[in-house]
Amino acid sequence: MSIIRTFPQYKKKPIKPSRFTETDFNNYDKLKNDDCFNKWFNGINPLTNRKCKINGKTHMRVQQELKYKNHSYYNEISKIENYKKYNDESKKIYIKFDDELKNIKLYNDNVDNIIDKIKKIKWDDFIIFEGQKYGIPPILDKKHTENNCMGNILKDFYESCTCNKCESWSNCGRIDLHMKCDKCNYKYIDTIYKDTSIYYN
């Protein structure tokens, strides 16, 4: 089994599910008995009693004037018949979400601990994590760690991108930094991208 020379990856945090709340249901119950709202919801301008395209310019303007949420919001909430059942489902979903979040935090805390250990080992050593061997990366904190060299990594020279986009004045912002070790002359290229949009906006 070969040694992996990059740090273990963190798990991404999940996005909290978006669910209707009791406040949403209470507000909707008030609105659905309102003649003005029902006209707007069904594509009639309540200010003129003329038809208007749902989500069209006039429809959106009336929505803003009357401080309604968007039409799709009301369309979705109108499909829910049993509020209690929905709220009970929401509680279960959020409990599951919180459990998943806790497990990911524990995992990522463990990754932090493993990374700290990897940073302290020698080149030929390794740390086993989830069945994989992890070793110190060849470049760490501007030091060349390969074969325990520990020389300083310095900038040698840099090259700006010469691709077609750059030549047509749509600069992609790519810069290749040529780096080298001041001890063993080890060399590598570090590519970065500078934001050039300020020049074209």
Protein backbone atom coordinates (compact mmCIF):
# COMPACT_ATOMS: atom_id res chain seq x y z
CA MET A 1 0.00 0.00 0.00
CA SER A 2 1.55 3.28 -1.12
CA ILE A 3 1.70 6.34 1.11
CA ILE A 4 -0.74 9.14 0.28
CA ARG A 5 1.06 12.48 0.34
CA THR A 6 -2.00 14.68 0.83
CA PHE A 7 -4.04 15.25 3.97
CA PRO A 8 -7.31 13.36 4.55
CA GLN A 9 -10.39 15.17 3.27
CA TYR A 10 -13.03 16.69 5.51
CA LYS A 11 -16.66 15.72 5.11
CA LYS A 12 -18.90 18.52 3.88
CA LYS A 13 -21.62 19.77 6.17
CA PRO A 14 -25.11 19.03 4.83
CA ILE A 15 -27.50 21.83 3.99
CA LYS A 16 -30.33 22.13 6.48
CA PRO A 17 -33.63 21.06 4.86
CA SER A 18 -36.05 23.88 4.19
CA ARG A 19 -39.44 23.15 5.74
CA PHE A 20 -42.60 25.13 6.40
CA THR A 21 -43.12 26.18 10.01
CA GLU A 22 -46.20 26.66 12.15
CA THR A 23 -45.87 30.40 11.55
CA ASP A 24 -45.98 29.76 7.80
CA PHE A 25 -49.18 27.73 8.19
CA ASN A 26 -50.81 30.33 10.43
CA ASN A 27 -50.04 33.15 8.01
CA TYR A 28 -51.26 31.11 5.05
CA ASP A 29 -54.53 30.25 6.84
CA LYS A 30 -55.20 33.97 7.20
CA LEU A 31 -54.34 34.74 3.58
CA LYS A 32 -56.32 31.96 1.93
CA ASN A 33 -59.54 33.51 3.24
CA ASP A 34 -58.56 36.90 1.84
CA ASP A 35 -60.25 37.81 -1.45
CA CYS A 36 -57.39 40.04 -2.52
CA PHE A 37 -54.84 37.25 -2.05
CA ASN A 38 -56.95 34.65 -3.84
CA LYS A 39 -57.31 36.90 -6.88
CA TRP A 40 -53.58 37.44 -7.03
CA PHE A 41 -52.86 33.73 -6.48
CA ASN A 42 -55.15 32.80 -9.37
CA GLY A 43 -53.65 35.34 -11.75
CA ILE A 44 -55.97 38.32 -11.32
CA ASN A 45 -54.71 41.75 -10.42
CA PRO A 46 -56.72 42.59 -7.26
CA LEU A 47 -56.10 46.29 -7.85
CA THR A 48 -57.77 46.32 -11.30
CA ASN A 49 -59.60 42.95 -11.45
CA ARG A 50 -57.86 42.27 -14.75
CA LYS A 51 -56.10 39.01 -15.57
CA CYS A 52 -52.34 38.99 -15.30
CA LYS A 53 -49.77 36.33 -16.07
CA ILE A 54 -48.66 34.47 -12.94
CA ASN A 55 -45.04 35.45 -12.22
CA GLY A 56 -45.26 38.02 -14.98
CA LYS A 57 -44.23 41.65 -14.58
CA THR A 58 -47.60 42.89 -13.27
CA HIS A 59 -48.06 39.85 -11.04
CA MET A 60 -44.63 40.35 -9.48
CA ARG A 61 -45.24 44.08 -8.99
CA VAL A 62 -48.50 43.40 -7.14
CA GLN A 63 -46.70 40.76 -5.07
CA GLN A 64 -44.16 43.34 -3.94
CA GLU A 65 -46.79 46.01 -3.27
CA LEU A 66 -48.90 43.66 -1.13
CA LYS A 67 -45.81 42.09 0.46
CA TYR A 68 -46.64 38.53 -0.52
CA LYS A 69 -44.07 35.77 -0.80
CA ASN A 70 -43.48 34.26 -4.23
CA HIS A 71 -46.23 32.29 -5.94
CA SER A 72 -44.40 28.95 -5.81
CA TYR A 73 -44.18 29.25 -2.00
CA TYR A 74 -47.96 29.50 -1.69
CA ASN A 75 -48.45 26.86 -4.35
CA GLU A 76 -46.38 24.37 -2.34
CA ILE A 77 -47.90 25.15 1.05
CA SER A 78 -51.42 24.89 -0.41
CA LYS A 79 -50.76 21.22 -1.22
CA ILE A 80 -50.28 20.32 2.46
CA GLU A 81 -53.55 19.11 3.93
CA ASN A 82 -52.46 17.82 7.35
CA TYR A 83 -50.34 20.41 9.17
CA LYS A 84 -49.78 18.23 12.23
CA LYS A 85 -48.51 15.31 10.17
CA TYR A 86 -46.21 17.64 8.25
CA ASN A 87 -44.83 19.19 11.46
CA ASP A 88 -44.22 15.73 12.94
CA GLU A 89 -42.30 14.79 9.79
CA SER A 90 -40.28 18.02 10.10
CA LYS A 91 -39.26 17.13 13.65
CA LYS A 92 -38.01 13.71 12.53
CA ILE A 93 -36.13 15.24 9.60
CA TYR A 94 -34.42 17.82 11.83
CA ILE A 95 -33.49 15.19 14.43
CA LYS A 96 -31.89 13.11 11.67
CA PHE A 97 -30.15 16.21 10.31
CA ASP A 98 -28.76 17.15 13.75
CA ASP A 99 -27.46 13.58 14.25
CA GLU A 100 -25.76 13.67 10.86
CA LEU A 101 -24.23 17.06 11.68
CA LYS A 102 -22.85 15.74 14.99
CA ASN A 103 -21.32 12.70 13.28
CA ILE A 104 -19.67 14.88 10.63
CA LYS A 105 -18.27 17.18 13.32
CA LEU A 106 -16.79 14.18 15.15
CA TYR A 107 -15.30 12.91 11.89
CA ASN A 108 -13.81 16.30 10.97
CA ASP A 109 -12.42 16.74 14.49
CA ASN A 110 -10.71 13.39 14.01
CA VAL A 111 -9.33 14.55 10.66
CA ASP A 112 -7.91 17.64 12.40
CA ASN A 113 -6.19 15.35 14.90
CA ILE A 114 -4.79 13.11 12.13
CA ILE A 115 -3.47 16.10 10.18
CA ASP A 116 -1.70 17.40 13.29
CA LYS A 117 -0.03 13.99 13.69
CA ILE A 118 0.98 13.81 10.01
CA LYS A 119 2.67 17.21 10.21
CA LYS A 120 4.95 15.92 12.98
CA ILE A 121 6.23 12.70 11.35
CA LYS A 122 9.31 12.08 9.20
CA TRP A 123 9.24 11.39 5.47
CA ASP A 124 9.38 7.58 5.70
CA ASP A 125 6.76 7.39 8.47
CA PHE A 126 3.02 7.27 8.02
CA ILE A 127 -0.27 7.43 9.89
CA ILE A 128 -3.03 4.92 9.14
CA PHE A 129 -6.46 6.49 8.81
CA GLU A 130 -9.49 4.60 7.53
CA GLY A 131 -7.30 1.85 6.10
CA GLN A 132 -5.03 4.26 4.18
CA LYS A 133 -1.43 5.26 4.81
CA TYR A 134 -0.97 9.02 5.04
CA GLY A 135 2.45 10.63 5.01
CA ILE A 136 3.76 14.16 5.20
CA PRO A 137 3.29 16.14 1.94
CA PRO A 138 6.49 17.01 -0.01
CA ILE A 139 5.86 20.72 0.66
CA LEU A 140 4.70 21.86 4.08
CA ASP A 141 4.85 25.37 5.55
CA LYS A 142 7.30 26.48 2.83
CA LYS A 143 9.65 23.62 3.66
CA HIS A 144 10.73 20.79 1.35
CA THR A 145 10.03 17.71 3.49
CA GLU A 146 10.80 15.01 0.91
CA ASN A 147 13.50 12.64 2.23
CA ASN A 148 13.72 14.94 5.27
CA CYS A 149 15.42 17.65 3.20
CA MET A 150 13.79 20.54 5.13
CA GLY A 151 15.17 23.14 2.76
CA ASN A 152 13.33 26.43 2.26
CA ILE A 153 10.97 26.74 -0.70
CA LEU A 154 11.64 29.98 -2.57
CA LYS A 155 10.14 31.64 -5.64
CA ASP A 156 12.34 31.10 -8.69
CA PHE A 157 10.37 32.97 -11.36
CA TYR A 158 6.79 33.22 -12.61
CA GLU A 159 5.00 33.01 -15.95
CA SER A 160 1.70 34.64 -16.83
CA CYS A 161 -0.74 32.66 -18.92
CA THR A 162 -0.29 32.91 -22.71
CA CYS A 163 -3.44 31.05 -23.74
CA ASN A 164 -5.72 32.33 -26.50
CA LYS A 165 -8.06 33.89 -24.00
CA CYS A 166 -5.31 36.05 -22.59
CA GLU A 167 -4.14 37.07 -26.06
CA SER A 168 -7.68 38.14 -26.91
CA TRP A 169 -7.77 40.37 -23.81
CA SER A 170 -10.00 38.05 -21.78
CA ASN A 171 -7.24 37.35 -19.29
CA CYS A 172 -7.92 34.14 -17.35
CA GLY A 173 -5.58 35.35 -14.59
CA ARG A 174 -3.46 32.19 -14.49
CA ILE A 175 0.05 32.56 -13.13
CA ASP A 176 2.54 29.69 -12.87
CA LEU A 177 4.90 30.22 -9.96
CA HIS A 178 8.12 28.27 -10.42
CA MET A 179 9.37 27.29 -6.98
CA LYS A 180 12.60 25.64 -5.87
CA CYS A 181 14.28 24.33 -2.75
CA ASP A 182 17.34 26.31 -1.63
CA LYS A 183 18.96 23.14 -0.32
CA CYS A 184 18.54 20.39 -2.93
CA ASN A 185 17.28 22.39 -5.92
CA TYR A 186 13.97 20.50 -5.99
CA LYS A 187 11.56 22.33 -8.30
CA TYR A 188 7.83 22.43 -8.83
CA ILE A 189 5.16 24.72 -10.25
CA ASP A 190 2.43 26.28 -8.16
CA THR A 191 -0.47 27.57 -10.26
CA ILE A 192 -2.66 30.41 -8.99
CA TYR A 193 -5.49 32.39 -10.55
CA LYS A 194 -5.77 36.13 -9.98
CA ASP A 195 -9.14 37.84 -10.27
CA THR A 196 -8.88 40.00 -13.39
CA SER A 197 -12.57 40.90 -13.58
CA ILE A 198 -11.87 44.36 -12.12
CA TYR A 199 -10.17 45.27 -15.39
CA TYR A 200 -13.11 44.29 -17.56
CA ASN A 201 -16.15 45.50 -15.58
